[in-house]
Amino acid sequence: MANHKSAAKRARQTEKRTERNRFYRTRLKNISRSVREAVVSGDANAANEALKVANKSFHSFVSKGFLKKETASRRVSRLAKLVNSLSVAA
C-alpha cells in the first residue's frame, strides 16, 4: 500500500492505464485476426474491408499513444501484403 498521497495517485493512474492498454491490446489482436481469417477463407472483399478497418484502427491507436507510428505502419503493411497475396493467387 502506498505511504504517500502522490504514490497512491500513481497507483490509481497505473491501474487505469493498465486497463486501457489491455483493451487496446485485445482490440489490436482481434482486428489483426479478422484480416487473417478473411484471407484464409479466400474472401477478397471481406479481406479488403477488414484491412480498411485495421488501417483506420491502428492509426487511431497511434493518435491515442498506444502504438508508435512506425509500428502501426509495419503491422498494416504486413496485413496488406497478406491481402494482396490473396488477389495474386486468384
Protein backbone atom coordinates (compact mmCIF):
# COMPACT_ATOMS: atom_id res chain seq x y z
CA MET A 1 0.00 0.00 0.00
CA ALA A 2 1.21 3.49 -0.81
CA ASN A 3 2.60 5.61 2.01
CA HIS A 4 2.31 8.99 0.26
CA LYS A 5 -0.52 10.79 -1.43
CA SER A 6 1.48 11.01 -4.65
CA ALA A 7 2.28 7.28 -4.57
CA ALA A 8 -1.41 6.47 -4.12
CA LYS A 9 -2.26 8.65 -7.11
CA ARG A 10 0.40 6.95 -9.22
CA ALA A 11 -1.05 3.58 -8.27
CA ARG A 12 -4.54 4.71 -9.36
CA GLN A 13 -3.19 6.06 -12.65
CA THR A 14 -1.27 2.86 -13.33
CA GLU A 15 -4.42 0.84 -12.73
CA LYS A 16 -6.37 2.95 -15.23
CA ARG A 17 -3.62 2.80 -17.84
CA THR A 18 -3.27 -0.97 -17.44
CA GLU A 19 -6.98 -1.46 -18.03
CA ARG A 20 -6.96 0.86 -21.05
CA ASN A 21 -3.88 -0.81 -22.55
CA ARG A 22 -5.43 -4.24 -22.05
CA PHE A 23 -8.48 -3.09 -24.01
CA TYR A 24 -6.37 -1.74 -26.89
CA ARG A 25 -4.10 -4.79 -26.97
CA THR A 26 -7.08 -7.14 -27.20
CA ARG A 27 -8.73 -4.97 -29.86
CA LEU A 28 -5.48 -4.94 -31.86
CA LYS A 29 -5.24 -8.73 -31.81
CA ASN A 30 -8.89 -9.18 -32.79
CA ILE A 31 -8.61 -6.76 -35.72
CA SER A 32 -5.47 -8.49 -37.00
CA ARG A 33 -7.10 -11.89 -36.61
CA SER A 34 -10.18 -10.83 -38.58
CA VAL A 35 -7.97 -9.83 -41.53
CA ARG A 36 -6.03 -13.10 -41.39
CA GLU A 37 -9.22 -15.17 -41.15
CA ALA A 38 -10.70 -13.39 -44.16
CA VAL A 39 -7.54 -14.17 -46.14
CA VAL A 40 -7.59 -17.83 -45.10
CA SER A 41 -11.25 -18.13 -46.08
CA GLY A 42 -10.35 -16.76 -49.51
CA ASP A 43 -12.90 -13.93 -49.45
CA ALA A 44 -11.15 -10.98 -51.10
CA ASN A 45 -13.95 -8.48 -50.41
CA ALA A 46 -14.10 -9.35 -46.72
CA ALA A 47 -10.31 -9.20 -46.51
CA ASN A 48 -10.22 -5.73 -48.08
CA GLU A 49 -12.94 -4.45 -45.75
CA ALA A 50 -11.15 -5.90 -42.72
CA LEU A 51 -7.91 -4.30 -43.91
CA LYS A 52 -9.61 -0.89 -44.13
CA VAL A 53 -10.86 -1.28 -40.57
CA ALA A 54 -7.39 -2.36 -39.44
CA ASN A 55 -5.71 0.60 -41.11
CA LYS A 56 -8.08 3.10 -39.55
CA SER A 57 -7.97 1.49 -36.11
CA PHE A 58 -4.21 1.08 -35.95
CA HIS A 59 -3.62 4.70 -36.85
CA SER A 60 -6.21 5.86 -34.33
CA PHE A 61 -4.24 3.88 -31.72
CA VAL A 62 -1.22 5.95 -32.76
CA SER A 63 -3.07 9.18 -32.01
CA LYS A 64 -4.05 7.80 -28.61
CA GLY A 65 -0.41 6.98 -27.85
CA PHE A 66 -0.88 3.21 -27.66
CA LEU A 67 1.25 2.42 -30.72
CA LYS A 68 4.16 4.17 -32.36
CA LYS A 69 3.62 5.40 -35.89
CA GLU A 70 6.19 3.05 -37.44
CA THR A 71 4.76 0.06 -35.58
CA ALA A 72 1.26 0.73 -36.88
CA SER A 73 2.57 1.21 -40.42
CA ARG A 74 4.56 -2.02 -40.25
CA ARG A 75 1.60 -4.04 -38.99
CA VAL A 76 -0.77 -2.60 -41.59
CA SER A 77 1.82 -3.22 -44.29
CA ARG A 78 2.15 -6.87 -43.33
CA LEU A 79 -1.61 -7.32 -43.32
CA ALA A 80 -1.85 -5.58 -46.71
CA LYS A 81 0.80 -7.93 -48.05
CA LEU A 82 -1.36 -10.90 -46.97
CA VAL A 83 -4.46 -9.43 -48.60
CA ASN A 84 -2.53 -8.71 -51.81
CA SER A 85 -1.20 -12.26 -51.91
CA LEU A 86 -4.84 -13.39 -51.98
CA SER A 87 -5.54 -11.39 -55.15
CA VAL A 88 -2.30 -12.56 -56.79
CA ALA A 89 -3.15 -16.20 -56.10
CA ALA A 90 -6.55 -15.77 -57.77
